[in-house]
Amino acid sequence: MNILVIGANGQVGKQLVERLGHSEHQVRGMIREESQAADLEAFGAETVVADLEGDISHAVRGCDAIVFAAGSGAHTGPDKTELVDHLGAIRSIEEAEKQGVMRFVMLSALRAKEPEKGPEKLHHYLEAKKKADDRLAASHLDYTIVRPGRLSNEPGQGTVSASESLEFQPDPITRTDVAESLAEILDLKNTHRKGIDLLPGTTPIREALKKL
């Protein structure tokens, strides 16, 4: 597949691009600035400059799948969060629909299902994620919404707990394990049209995802 990673220069996105760059797939990393290209191209990726607040049709053109891994960050103000995590995500979904890109994987957040249960300081972030997730779930695309818990930069474990519904827990899941899960999900048809909660666990990643 030709896979577009939106948010390719982010912490999870960059690891996903590296993983896909060593796979049988072709990967295109969408970046905001040309200066971000070198690191991704070193992984074997093509890069394309585009801004989620504008036209991204040229970035989507020719792709078979999209992974939306962009995020304004939980500490960003409500205005920027709305532009990226809500409206930018919806722009990506609509462009996929317009161009017939059926496979769409959304990186969301565990508490986006019920933003009001998250910390008050994260409500605007979780609400933006929920609006984007709901729009994707209402589409005709072969979507998967991936909702990891708290994230860490510790080394990946290669194991997770994955289910359509998991209770929040404070222990973080590594960004490496999330990126590996996203890469695996792209090829697993049993994950189509599902939301998947992702937390640290003891089951090998592919095995956990194939059981869904």
N, C-alpha and C. Protein backbone atom coordinates (compact mmCIF):
# COMPACT_ATOMS: atom_id res chain seq x y z
N MET A 1 0.84 -1.20 0.00
CA MET A 1 0.00 0.00 0.00
C MET A 1 0.87 1.25 0.00
N ASN A 2 0.32 2.30 -0.58
CA ASN A 2 0.90 3.63 -0.45
C ASN A 2 0.21 4.31 0.73
N ILE A 3 0.96 4.58 1.78
CA ILE A 3 0.38 5.06 3.04
C ILE A 3 0.83 6.48 3.32
N LEU A 4 -0.12 7.36 3.56
CA LEU A 4 0.18 8.73 3.97
C LEU A 4 0.10 8.81 5.49
N VAL A 5 1.18 9.26 6.11
CA VAL A 5 1.18 9.50 7.55
C VAL A 5 1.08 11.00 7.78
N ILE A 6 -0.04 11.44 8.31
CA ILE A 6 -0.24 12.84 8.65
C ILE A 6 0.24 13.06 10.08
N GLY A 7 1.12 14.04 10.25
CA GLY A 7 1.77 14.20 11.54
C GLY A 7 3.04 13.38 11.61
N ALA A 8 3.71 13.24 10.46
CA ALA A 8 4.86 12.34 10.35
C ALA A 8 6.06 12.80 11.16
N ASN A 9 6.11 14.06 11.52
CA ASN A 9 7.25 14.55 12.29
C ASN A 9 6.99 14.52 13.80
N GLY A 10 5.82 14.03 14.20
CA GLY A 10 5.51 13.92 15.62
C GLY A 10 6.21 12.71 16.25
N GLN A 11 6.07 12.58 17.54
CA GLN A 11 6.81 11.53 18.24
C GLN A 11 6.36 10.13 17.85
N VAL A 12 5.06 9.93 17.73
CA VAL A 12 4.57 8.62 17.27
C VAL A 12 4.70 8.53 15.75
N GLY A 13 4.35 9.60 15.07
CA GLY A 13 4.38 9.58 13.61
C GLY A 13 5.74 9.24 13.04
N LYS A 14 6.78 9.79 13.62
CA LYS A 14 8.12 9.54 13.10
C LYS A 14 8.52 8.08 13.29
N GLN A 15 8.15 7.50 14.43
CA GLN A 15 8.45 6.07 14.65
C GLN A 15 7.64 5.19 13.69
N LEU A 16 6.41 5.61 13.40
CA LEU A 16 5.60 4.85 12.45
C LEU A 16 6.21 4.91 11.06
N VAL A 17 6.65 6.09 10.64
CA VAL A 17 7.29 6.23 9.33
C VAL A 17 8.53 5.34 9.25
N GLU A 18 9.32 5.31 10.30
CA GLU A 18 10.51 4.47 10.30
C GLU A 18 10.13 3.00 10.16
N ARG A 19 9.11 2.57 10.90
CA ARG A 19 8.66 1.18 10.83
C ARG A 19 8.15 0.84 9.42
N LEU A 20 7.33 1.71 8.84
CA LEU A 20 6.79 1.45 7.51
C LEU A 20 7.85 1.55 6.43
N GLY A 21 8.87 2.37 6.68
CA GLY A 21 9.96 2.50 5.72
C GLY A 21 10.76 1.23 5.55
N HIS A 22 10.67 0.34 6.53
CA HIS A 22 11.36 -0.95 6.45
C HIS A 22 10.40 -2.10 6.16
N SER A 23 9.21 -1.76 5.68
CA SER A 23 8.21 -2.77 5.37
C SER A 23 8.02 -2.87 3.86
N GLU A 24 7.05 -3.67 3.44
CA GLU A 24 6.77 -3.81 2.01
C GLU A 24 5.93 -2.65 1.49
N HIS A 25 5.48 -1.78 2.38
CA HIS A 25 4.65 -0.65 1.98
C HIS A 25 5.51 0.53 1.51
N GLN A 26 4.86 1.44 0.79
CA GLN A 26 5.47 2.73 0.45
C GLN A 26 4.86 3.76 1.39
N VAL A 27 5.70 4.59 1.99
CA VAL A 27 5.20 5.54 2.97
C VAL A 27 5.52 6.97 2.55
N ARG A 28 4.55 7.84 2.74
CA ARG A 28 4.69 9.27 2.46
C ARG A 28 4.42 10.02 3.76
N GLY A 29 5.37 10.81 4.18
CA GLY A 29 5.22 11.58 5.40
C GLY A 29 4.79 13.00 5.11
N MET A 30 3.66 13.40 5.69
CA MET A 30 3.19 14.78 5.51
C MET A 30 3.79 15.65 6.60
N ILE A 31 4.47 16.71 6.19
CA ILE A 31 5.16 17.60 7.11
C ILE A 31 4.75 19.04 6.83
N ARG A 32 5.01 19.91 7.80
CA ARG A 32 4.63 21.32 7.64
C ARG A 32 5.76 22.15 7.06
N GLU A 33 7.01 21.67 7.22
CA GLU A 33 8.15 22.45 6.76
C GLU A 33 9.15 21.55 6.04
N GLU A 34 9.74 22.05 4.98
CA GLU A 34 10.71 21.28 4.20
C GLU A 34 11.90 20.84 5.05
N SER A 35 12.24 21.63 6.07
CA SER A 35 13.38 21.30 6.92
C SER A 35 13.18 20.01 7.70
N GLN A 36 11.94 19.52 7.78
CA GLN A 36 11.66 18.28 8.50
C GLN A 36 11.84 17.04 7.62
N ALA A 37 12.14 17.23 6.36
CA ALA A 37 12.13 16.12 5.40
C ALA A 37 13.29 15.15 5.58
N ALA A 38 14.47 15.63 5.89
CA ALA A 38 15.67 14.79 5.83
C ALA A 38 15.58 13.56 6.73
N ASP A 39 15.11 13.75 7.96
CA ASP A 39 15.03 12.62 8.89
C ASP A 39 14.10 11.54 8.36
N LEU A 40 12.96 11.94 7.81
CA LEU A 40 11.99 10.97 7.31
C LEU A 40 12.48 10.29 6.04
N GLU A 41 13.12 11.04 5.17
CA GLU A 41 13.64 10.45 3.94
C GLU A 41 14.76 9.46 4.23
N ALA A 42 15.45 9.64 5.36
CA ALA A 42 16.48 8.68 5.76
C ALA A 42 15.87 7.32 6.11
N PHE A 43 14.58 7.31 6.44
CA PHE A 43 13.88 6.05 6.72
C PHE A 43 13.34 5.41 5.44
N GLY A 44 13.55 6.05 4.30
CA GLY A 44 13.03 5.53 3.05
C GLY A 44 11.67 6.08 2.67
N ALA A 45 11.27 7.15 3.34
CA ALA A 45 9.95 7.73 3.07
C ALA A 45 10.03 8.84 2.03
N GLU A 46 8.95 8.99 1.30
CA GLU A 46 8.72 10.19 0.50
C GLU A 46 8.13 11.23 1.44
N THR A 47 8.37 12.50 1.18
CA THR A 47 7.77 13.53 2.02
C THR A 47 6.97 14.50 1.16
N VAL A 48 5.98 15.12 1.79
CA VAL A 48 5.16 16.11 1.12
C VAL A 48 4.84 17.20 2.13
N VAL A 49 4.98 18.44 1.70
CA VAL A 49 4.70 19.58 2.57
C VAL A 49 3.25 19.99 2.40
N ALA A 50 2.52 20.02 3.51
CA ALA A 50 1.12 20.42 3.49
C ALA A 50 0.72 20.86 4.89
N ASP A 51 -0.32 21.66 4.98
CA ASP A 51 -0.77 22.22 6.25
C ASP A 51 -2.22 21.81 6.48
N LEU A 52 -2.50 21.22 7.63
CA LEU A 52 -3.86 20.77 7.94
C LEU A 52 -4.87 21.90 7.97
N GLU A 53 -4.39 23.11 8.07
CA GLU A 53 -5.29 24.25 8.08
C GLU A 53 -5.60 24.74 6.67
N GLY A 54 -5.03 24.05 5.65
CA GLY A 54 -5.25 24.45 4.26
C GLY A 54 -5.54 23.25 3.38
N ASP A 55 -5.18 23.36 2.12
CA ASP A 55 -5.44 22.31 1.12
C ASP A 55 -4.42 21.18 1.30
N ILE A 56 -4.92 19.96 1.47
CA ILE A 56 -4.02 18.80 1.59
C ILE A 56 -4.27 17.79 0.48
N SER A 57 -5.02 18.19 -0.54
CA SER A 57 -5.40 17.23 -1.59
C SER A 57 -4.18 16.63 -2.28
N HIS A 58 -3.13 17.43 -2.48
CA HIS A 58 -1.94 16.93 -3.17
C HIS A 58 -1.22 15.89 -2.32
N ALA A 59 -1.33 15.98 -1.00
CA ALA A 59 -0.69 15.01 -0.12
C ALA A 59 -1.41 13.67 -0.16
N VAL A 60 -2.72 13.70 -0.30
CA VAL A 60 -3.54 12.48 -0.28
C VAL A 60 -3.51 11.77 -1.63
N ARG A 61 -3.29 12.52 -2.69
CA ARG A 61 -3.41 11.97 -4.05
C ARG A 61 -2.50 10.76 -4.25
N GLY A 62 -3.09 9.65 -4.73
CA GLY A 62 -2.32 8.45 -5.03
C GLY A 62 -2.13 7.51 -3.87
N CYS A 63 -2.69 7.83 -2.71
CA CYS A 63 -2.52 6.99 -1.53
C CYS A 63 -3.63 5.94 -1.43
N ASP A 64 -3.31 4.85 -0.77
CA ASP A 64 -4.27 3.78 -0.52
C ASP A 64 -4.78 3.81 0.92
N ALA A 65 -4.04 4.46 1.80
CA ALA A 65 -4.40 4.49 3.22
C ALA A 65 -3.84 5.75 3.84
N ILE A 66 -4.51 6.19 4.90
CA ILE A 66 -4.07 7.36 5.66
C ILE A 66 -3.99 6.99 7.13
N VAL A 67 -2.91 7.40 7.78
CA VAL A 67 -2.84 7.34 9.23
C VAL A 67 -2.78 8.78 9.74
N PHE A 68 -3.75 9.17 10.53
CA PHE A 68 -3.78 10.52 11.10
C PHE A 68 -3.13 10.44 12.48
N ALA A 69 -1.87 10.87 12.56
CA ALA A 69 -1.12 10.84 13.81
C ALA A 69 -0.76 12.25 14.26
N ALA A 70 -1.42 13.25 13.68
CA ALA A 70 -1.14 14.64 14.04
C ALA A 70 -1.84 14.98 15.34
N GLY A 71 -1.30 15.95 16.04
CA GLY A 71 -1.92 16.42 17.27
C GLY A 71 -1.31 17.74 17.69
N SER A 72 -2.14 18.61 18.20
CA SER A 72 -1.64 19.89 18.68
C SER A 72 -0.92 19.74 20.00
N GLY A 73 -1.16 18.62 20.68
CA GLY A 73 -0.57 18.39 22.00
C GLY A 73 -1.55 18.76 23.09
N ALA A 74 -1.52 17.99 24.16
CA ALA A 74 -2.48 18.18 25.25
C ALA A 74 -2.30 19.51 25.96
N HIS A 75 -1.15 20.15 25.79
CA HIS A 75 -0.88 21.41 26.50
C HIS A 75 -1.11 22.63 25.60
N THR A 76 -1.62 22.41 24.39
CA THR A 76 -1.88 23.51 23.47
C THR A 76 -3.23 24.15 23.81
N GLY A 77 -3.36 25.42 23.52
CA GLY A 77 -4.60 26.13 23.80
C GLY A 77 -5.76 25.64 22.95
N PRO A 78 -6.99 25.93 23.38
CA PRO A 78 -8.18 25.42 22.69
C PRO A 78 -8.25 25.81 21.21
N ASP A 79 -7.82 27.00 20.84
CA ASP A 79 -7.94 27.44 19.44
C ASP A 79 -7.13 26.55 18.51
N LYS A 80 -5.87 26.32 18.86
CA LYS A 80 -5.00 25.49 18.02
C LYS A 80 -5.46 24.04 18.03
N THR A 81 -5.90 23.57 19.18
CA THR A 81 -6.41 22.20 19.28
C THR A 81 -7.60 22.00 18.36
N GLU A 82 -8.50 22.96 18.33
CA GLU A 82 -9.67 22.88 17.46
C GLU A 82 -9.25 22.83 15.99
N LEU A 83 -8.26 23.62 15.61
CA LEU A 83 -7.81 23.68 14.22
C LEU A 83 -7.15 22.38 13.76
N VAL A 84 -6.40 21.74 14.65
CA VAL A 84 -5.65 20.54 14.26
C VAL A 84 -6.43 19.26 14.58
N ASP A 85 -6.75 19.06 15.85
CA ASP A 85 -7.30 17.78 16.29
C ASP A 85 -8.75 17.56 15.87
N HIS A 86 -9.50 18.65 15.67
CA HIS A 86 -10.87 18.51 15.21
C HIS A 86 -10.98 18.81 13.72
N LEU A 87 -10.79 20.07 13.35
CA LEU A 87 -11.02 20.47 11.97
C LEU A 87 -10.00 19.88 11.01
N GLY A 88 -8.74 19.79 11.43
CA GLY A 88 -7.71 19.19 10.58
C GLY A 88 -7.98 17.72 10.33
N ALA A 89 -8.41 17.02 11.37
CA ALA A 89 -8.76 15.61 11.21
C ALA A 89 -9.94 15.43 10.28
N ILE A 90 -10.96 16.27 10.44
CA ILE A 90 -12.13 16.17 9.58
C ILE A 90 -11.78 16.51 8.13
N ARG A 91 -10.92 17.49 7.94
CA ARG A 91 -10.47 17.81 6.59
C ARG A 91 -9.79 16.58 5.96
N SER A 92 -9.03 15.86 6.74
CA SER A 92 -8.35 14.65 6.24
C SER A 92 -9.35 13.56 5.89
N ILE A 93 -10.36 13.38 6.73
CA ILE A 93 -11.39 12.38 6.47
C ILE A 93 -12.15 12.73 5.18
N GLU A 94 -12.52 13.98 5.05
CA GLU A 94 -13.27 14.41 3.87
C GLU A 94 -12.44 14.27 2.60
N GLU A 95 -11.16 14.53 2.69
CA GLU A 95 -10.29 14.37 1.52
C GLU A 95 -10.16 12.91 1.15
N ALA A 96 -10.09 12.03 2.16
CA ALA A 96 -10.07 10.59 1.89
C ALA A 96 -11.35 10.16 1.18
N GLU A 97 -12.48 10.65 1.64
CA GLU A 97 -13.75 10.32 1.00
C GLU A 97 -13.78 10.82 -0.44
N LYS A 98 -13.32 12.03 -0.64
CA LYS A 98 -13.34 12.65 -1.97
C LYS A 98 -12.47 11.88 -2.96
N GLN A 99 -11.31 11.41 -2.48
CA GLN A 99 -10.36 10.75 -3.37
C GLN A 99 -10.47 9.22 -3.35
N GLY A 100 -11.43 8.69 -2.60
CA GLY A 100 -11.64 7.24 -2.59
C GLY A 100 -10.57 6.47 -1.85
N VAL A 101 -9.96 7.09 -0.84
CA VAL A 101 -8.98 6.39 0.00
C VAL A 101 -9.76 5.73 1.14
N MET A 102 -9.98 4.43 1.05
CA MET A 102 -10.91 3.79 1.97
C MET A 102 -10.32 3.48 3.35
N ARG A 103 -9.03 3.21 3.41
CA ARG A 103 -8.43 2.81 4.71
C ARG A 103 -7.96 4.05 5.46
N PHE A 104 -8.46 4.22 6.69
CA PHE A 104 -8.15 5.41 7.48
C PHE A 104 -7.96 4.97 8.93
N VAL A 105 -6.76 5.21 9.46
CA VAL A 105 -6.45 4.89 10.85
C VAL A 105 -6.25 6.19 11.62
N MET A 106 -7.01 6.37 12.66
CA MET A 106 -6.98 7.59 13.47
C MET A 106 -6.31 7.33 14.81
N LEU A 107 -5.28 8.09 15.12
CA LEU A 107 -4.68 8.04 16.44
C LEU A 107 -5.42 9.02 17.34
N SER A 108 -6.12 8.50 18.31
CA SER A 108 -6.94 9.32 19.20
C SER A 108 -6.39 9.23 20.62
N ALA A 109 -7.25 9.21 21.60
CA ALA A 109 -6.85 9.13 23.00
C ALA A 109 -7.90 8.37 23.78
N LEU A 110 -7.48 7.63 24.77
CA LEU A 110 -8.37 6.72 25.49
C LEU A 110 -9.60 7.44 26.04
N ARG A 111 -9.43 8.58 26.66
CA ARG A 111 -10.55 9.26 27.29
C ARG A 111 -11.36 10.11 26.32
N ALA A 112 -11.05 10.05 25.04
CA ALA A 112 -11.83 10.81 24.06
C ALA A 112 -13.26 10.29 23.96
N LYS A 113 -13.51 9.08 24.37
CA LYS A 113 -14.87 8.55 24.35
C LYS A 113 -15.77 9.31 25.32
N GLU A 114 -15.20 9.73 26.44
CA GLU A 114 -15.96 10.45 27.46
C GLU A 114 -15.09 11.59 28.00
N PRO A 115 -14.98 12.68 27.24
CA PRO A 115 -14.08 13.77 27.62
C PRO A 115 -14.33 14.32 29.02
N GLU A 116 -15.59 14.30 29.43
CA GLU A 116 -15.93 14.88 30.73
C GLU A 116 -15.31 14.10 31.90
N LYS A 117 -14.88 12.88 31.65
CA LYS A 117 -14.26 12.07 32.70
C LYS A 117 -12.75 12.28 32.78
N GLY A 118 -12.20 13.00 31.82
CA GLY A 118 -10.78 13.29 31.84
C GLY A 118 -10.48 14.49 32.71
N PRO A 119 -9.20 14.78 32.93
CA PRO A 119 -8.83 15.97 33.70
C PRO A 119 -9.39 17.23 33.05
N GLU A 120 -9.80 18.17 33.87
CA GLU A 120 -10.43 19.38 33.35
C GLU A 120 -9.53 20.11 32.35
N LYS A 121 -8.22 20.13 32.61
CA LYS A 121 -7.30 20.85 31.73
C LYS A 121 -7.18 20.20 30.36
N LEU A 122 -7.65 18.95 30.22
CA LEU A 122 -7.59 18.24 28.94
C LEU A 122 -8.94 18.18 28.23
N HIS A 123 -9.98 18.78 28.82
CA HIS A 123 -11.31 18.66 28.23
C HIS A 123 -11.35 19.14 26.78
N HIS A 124 -10.73 20.29 26.49
CA HIS A 124 -10.79 20.83 25.12
C HIS A 124 -10.09 19.89 24.14
N TYR A 125 -9.01 19.27 24.57
CA TYR A 125 -8.25 18.33 23.74
C TYR A 125 -9.08 17.06 23.48
N LEU A 126 -9.64 16.50 24.53
CA LEU A 126 -10.42 15.27 24.40
C LEU A 126 -11.71 15.50 23.62
N GLU A 127 -12.32 16.66 23.80
CA GLU A 127 -13.54 16.97 23.05
C GLU A 127 -13.25 17.11 21.56
N ALA A 128 -12.11 17.72 21.23
CA ALA A 128 -11.73 17.84 19.81
C ALA A 128 -11.50 16.45 19.21
N LYS A 129 -10.83 15.59 19.96
CA LYS A 129 -10.60 14.22 19.49
C LYS A 129 -11.92 13.48 19.29
N LYS A 130 -12.82 13.64 20.22
CA LYS A 130 -14.11 12.94 20.12
C LYS A 130 -14.89 13.38 18.88
N LYS A 131 -14.91 14.67 18.62
CA LYS A 131 -15.65 15.16 17.44
C LYS A 131 -15.06 14.57 16.15
N ALA A 132 -13.74 14.48 16.09
CA ALA A 132 -13.12 13.89 14.90
C ALA A 132 -13.41 12.38 14.83
N ASP A 133 -13.33 11.71 15.97
CA ASP A 133 -13.61 10.27 15.99
C ASP A 133 -15.04 9.98 15.57
N ASP A 134 -15.97 10.78 16.07
CA ASP A 134 -17.38 10.58 15.73
C ASP A 134 -17.63 10.79 14.24
N ARG A 135 -16.97 11.78 13.67
CA ARG A 135 -17.12 12.03 12.22
C ARG A 135 -16.58 10.85 11.43
N LEU A 136 -15.46 10.29 11.86
CA LEU A 136 -14.88 9.15 11.15
C LEU A 136 -15.78 7.93 11.27
N ALA A 137 -16.31 7.70 12.46
CA ALA A 137 -17.19 6.55 12.67
C ALA A 137 -18.47 6.65 11.84
N ALA A 138 -18.89 7.86 11.52
CA ALA A 138 -20.10 8.07 10.71
C ALA A 138 -19.82 7.98 9.22
N SER A 139 -18.56 7.85 8.84
CA SER A 139 -18.19 7.78 7.42
C SER A 139 -18.36 6.37 6.88
N HIS A 140 -18.15 6.23 5.57
CA HIS A 140 -18.22 4.91 4.94
C HIS A 140 -16.83 4.28 4.83
N LEU A 141 -15.83 4.91 5.41
CA LEU A 141 -14.45 4.44 5.27
C LEU A 141 -14.19 3.19 6.10
N ASP A 142 -13.17 2.45 5.72
CA ASP A 142 -12.70 1.31 6.50
C ASP A 142 -11.76 1.85 7.58
N TYR A 143 -12.37 2.38 8.62
CA TYR A 143 -11.59 3.09 9.63
C TYR A 143 -11.19 2.18 10.79
N THR A 144 -10.16 2.60 11.50
CA THR A 144 -9.85 2.10 12.83
C THR A 144 -9.46 3.30 13.68
N ILE A 145 -10.09 3.44 14.82
CA ILE A 145 -9.75 4.50 15.76
C ILE A 145 -8.94 3.87 16.89
N VAL A 146 -7.73 4.34 17.08
CA VAL A 146 -6.82 3.77 18.08
C VAL A 146 -6.71 4.74 19.24
N ARG A 147 -7.07 4.27 20.44
CA ARG A 147 -7.15 5.14 21.60
C ARG A 147 -6.17 4.68 22.69
N PRO A 148 -4.93 5.11 22.62
CA PRO A 148 -3.97 4.73 23.66
C PRO A 148 -4.19 5.54 24.94
N GLY A 149 -3.71 4.97 26.04
CA GLY A 149 -3.72 5.70 27.30
C GLY A 149 -2.56 6.68 27.36
N ARG A 150 -2.12 6.99 28.56
CA ARG A 150 -0.99 7.89 28.74
C ARG A 150 0.23 7.35 27.99
N LEU A 151 1.02 8.25 27.42
CA LEU A 151 2.15 7.86 26.58
C LEU A 151 3.47 8.12 27.28
N SER A 152 4.45 7.28 26.97
CA SER A 152 5.80 7.49 27.52
C SER A 152 6.83 7.27 26.42
N ASN A 153 8.03 7.73 26.68
CA ASN A 153 9.14 7.55 25.75
C ASN A 153 10.08 6.43 26.18
N GLU A 154 9.62 5.57 27.06
CA GLU A 154 10.41 4.41 27.47
C GLU A 154 10.55 3.45 26.29
N PRO A 155 11.54 2.54 26.35
CA PRO A 155 11.69 1.56 25.26
C PRO A 155 10.43 0.70 25.11
N GLY A 156 10.13 0.37 23.87
CA GLY A 156 8.96 -0.46 23.60
C GLY A 156 9.08 -1.84 24.21
N GLN A 157 7.93 -2.40 24.61
CA GLN A 157 7.90 -3.74 25.20
C GLN A 157 7.50 -4.80 24.19
N GLY A 158 6.83 -4.37 23.10
CA GLY A 158 6.37 -5.34 22.10
C GLY A 158 5.11 -6.06 22.52
N THR A 159 4.52 -5.65 23.65
CA THR A 159 3.29 -6.26 24.15
C THR A 159 2.31 -5.17 24.55
N VAL A 160 1.01 -5.47 24.45
CA VAL A 160 -0.03 -4.50 24.79
C VAL A 160 -1.26 -5.23 25.33
N SER A 161 -2.20 -4.44 25.80
CA SER A 161 -3.57 -4.89 26.04
C SER A 161 -4.45 -4.10 25.08
N ALA A 162 -5.24 -4.80 24.27
CA ALA A 162 -6.06 -4.16 23.25
C ALA A 162 -7.48 -4.70 23.32
N SER A 163 -8.45 -3.78 23.33
CA SER A 163 -9.85 -4.17 23.38
C SER A 163 -10.69 -3.00 22.89
N GLU A 164 -11.93 -3.28 22.52
CA GLU A 164 -12.82 -2.19 22.13
C GLU A 164 -13.25 -1.35 23.32
N SER A 165 -12.99 -1.83 24.54
CA SER A 165 -13.29 -1.04 25.73
C SER A 165 -12.40 -1.48 26.88
N LEU A 166 -11.58 -0.56 27.36
CA LEU A 166 -10.71 -0.80 28.51
C LEU A 166 -10.87 0.34 29.50
N GLU A 167 -10.73 0.03 30.79
CA GLU A 167 -10.77 1.05 31.82
C GLU A 167 -9.44 1.81 31.85
N PHE A 168 -9.52 3.10 32.08
CA PHE A 168 -8.30 3.91 32.18
C PHE A 168 -7.40 3.39 33.29
N GLN A 169 -6.11 3.39 33.04
CA GLN A 169 -5.14 3.07 34.08
C GLN A 169 -3.98 4.05 33.97
N PRO A 170 -3.33 4.36 35.09
CA PRO A 170 -2.29 5.38 35.06
C PRO A 170 -0.99 4.94 34.42
N ASP A 171 -0.73 3.64 34.37
CA ASP A 171 0.53 3.18 33.78
C ASP A 171 0.56 3.53 32.29
N PRO A 172 1.63 4.15 31.80
CA PRO A 172 1.68 4.58 30.40
C PRO A 172 2.04 3.46 29.45
N ILE A 173 1.63 3.64 28.21
CA ILE A 173 2.06 2.77 27.12
C ILE A 173 3.12 3.53 26.32
N THR A 174 4.10 2.83 25.82
CA THR A 174 5.19 3.52 25.13
C THR A 174 4.77 3.96 23.73
N ARG A 175 5.32 5.07 23.30
CA ARG A 175 5.04 5.54 21.95
C ARG A 175 5.53 4.53 20.90
N THR A 176 6.60 3.83 21.21
CA THR A 176 7.10 2.80 20.30
C THR A 176 6.06 1.70 20.10
N ASP A 177 5.43 1.26 21.18
CA ASP A 177 4.41 0.21 21.07
C ASP A 177 3.16 0.72 20.35
N VAL A 178 2.84 1.99 20.53
CA VAL A 178 1.71 2.56 19.79
C VAL A 178 2.02 2.60 18.29
N ALA A 179 3.22 3.05 17.94
CA ALA A 179 3.61 3.10 16.52
C ALA A 179 3.59 1.71 15.90
N GLU A 180 4.09 0.73 16.63
CA GLU A 180 4.09 -0.65 16.12
C GLU A 180 2.65 -1.15 15.94
N SER A 181 1.79 -0.79 16.87
CA SER A 181 0.39 -1.20 16.76
C SER A 181 -0.28 -0.57 15.54
N LEU A 182 -0.02 0.70 15.30
CA LEU A 182 -0.57 1.37 14.12
C LEU A 182 -0.13 0.67 12.83
N ALA A 183 1.14 0.31 12.79
CA ALA A 183 1.67 -0.36 11.60
C ALA A 183 0.98 -1.71 11.39
N GLU A 184 0.77 -2.46 12.45
CA GLU A 184 0.12 -3.76 12.34
C GLU A 184 -1.34 -3.60 11.94
N ILE A 185 -2.02 -2.63 12.53
CA ILE A 185 -3.45 -2.42 12.28
C ILE A 185 -3.74 -2.16 10.81
N LEU A 186 -2.84 -1.49 10.12
CA LEU A 186 -3.05 -1.18 8.71
C LEU A 186 -3.37 -2.42 7.88
N ASP A 187 -2.79 -3.55 8.25
CA ASP A 187 -2.94 -4.78 7.46
C ASP A 187 -3.99 -5.75 8.01
N LEU A 188 -4.60 -5.41 9.13
CA LEU A 188 -5.52 -6.36 9.78
C LEU A 188 -6.97 -5.98 9.50
N LYS A 189 -7.64 -6.76 8.66
CA LYS A 189 -9.01 -6.44 8.29
C LYS A 189 -9.98 -6.58 9.47
N ASN A 190 -9.61 -7.38 10.46
CA ASN A 190 -10.50 -7.54 11.62
C ASN A 190 -10.59 -6.26 12.47
N THR A 191 -9.72 -5.29 12.18
CA THR A 191 -9.78 -4.02 12.91
C THR A 191 -10.61 -2.96 12.19
N HIS A 192 -11.12 -3.29 11.01
CA HIS A 192 -11.91 -2.32 10.25
C HIS A 192 -13.18 -1.94 11.01
N ARG A 193 -13.52 -0.66 10.95
CA ARG A 193 -14.73 -0.10 11.54
C ARG A 193 -14.85 -0.42 13.03
N LYS A 194 -13.71 -0.26 13.70
CA LYS A 194 -13.66 -0.48 15.15
C LYS A 194 -12.88 0.63 15.83
N GLY A 195 -13.22 0.86 17.10
CA GLY A 195 -12.39 1.67 17.97
C GLY A 195 -11.65 0.75 18.92
N ILE A 196 -10.37 0.98 19.08
CA ILE A 196 -9.54 0.07 19.88
C ILE A 196 -8.85 0.85 20.98
N ASP A 197 -9.11 0.46 22.23
CA ASP A 197 -8.38 1.02 23.37
C ASP A 197 -7.05 0.27 23.48
N LEU A 198 -5.99 1.00 23.79
CA LEU A 198 -4.65 0.41 23.81
C LEU A 198 -3.93 0.82 25.09
N LEU A 199 -3.53 -0.18 25.85
CA LEU A 199 -2.84 0.04 27.12
C LEU A 199 -1.67 -0.92 27.24
N PRO A 200 -0.78 -0.68 28.19
CA PRO A 200 0.30 -1.65 28.39
C PRO A 200 -0.27 -3.01 28.77
N GLY A 201 0.37 -4.06 28.33
CA GLY A 201 -0.12 -5.40 28.62
C GLY A 201 0.96 -6.44 28.39
N THR A 202 0.56 -7.69 28.37
CA THR A 202 1.53 -8.79 28.28
C THR A 202 1.38 -9.62 27.01
N THR A 203 0.43 -9.24 26.14
CA THR A 203 0.21 -10.00 24.91
C THR A 203 0.98 -9.39 23.76
N PRO A 204 1.73 -10.19 22.98
CA PRO A 204 2.43 -9.63 21.82
C PRO A 204 1.47 -8.82 20.95
N ILE A 205 1.97 -7.72 20.40
CA ILE A 205 1.12 -6.74 19.74
C ILE A 205 0.25 -7.36 18.64
N ARG A 206 0.84 -8.05 17.71
CA ARG A 206 0.03 -8.60 16.60
C ARG A 206 -1.00 -9.60 17.12
N GLU A 207 -0.61 -10.42 18.08
CA GLU A 207 -1.54 -11.40 18.64
C GLU A 207 -2.72 -10.70 19.32
N ALA A 208 -2.43 -9.65 20.07
CA ALA A 208 -3.49 -8.91 20.76
C ALA A 208 -4.47 -8.30 19.77
N LEU A 209 -3.95 -7.75 18.68
CA LEU A 209 -4.80 -7.10 17.69
C LEU A 209 -5.59 -8.10 16.86
N LYS A 210 -5.04 -9.25 16.59
CA LYS A 210 -5.75 -10.27 15.80
C LYS A 210 -6.91 -10.88 16.58
N LYS A 211 -6.90 -10.75 17.89
CA LYS A 211 -7.97 -11.30 18.72
C LYS A 211 -9.20 -10.40 18.78
N LEU A 212 -9.11 -9.19 18.25
CA LEU A 212 -10.21 -8.24 18.36
C LEU A 212 -11.43 -8.68 17.53
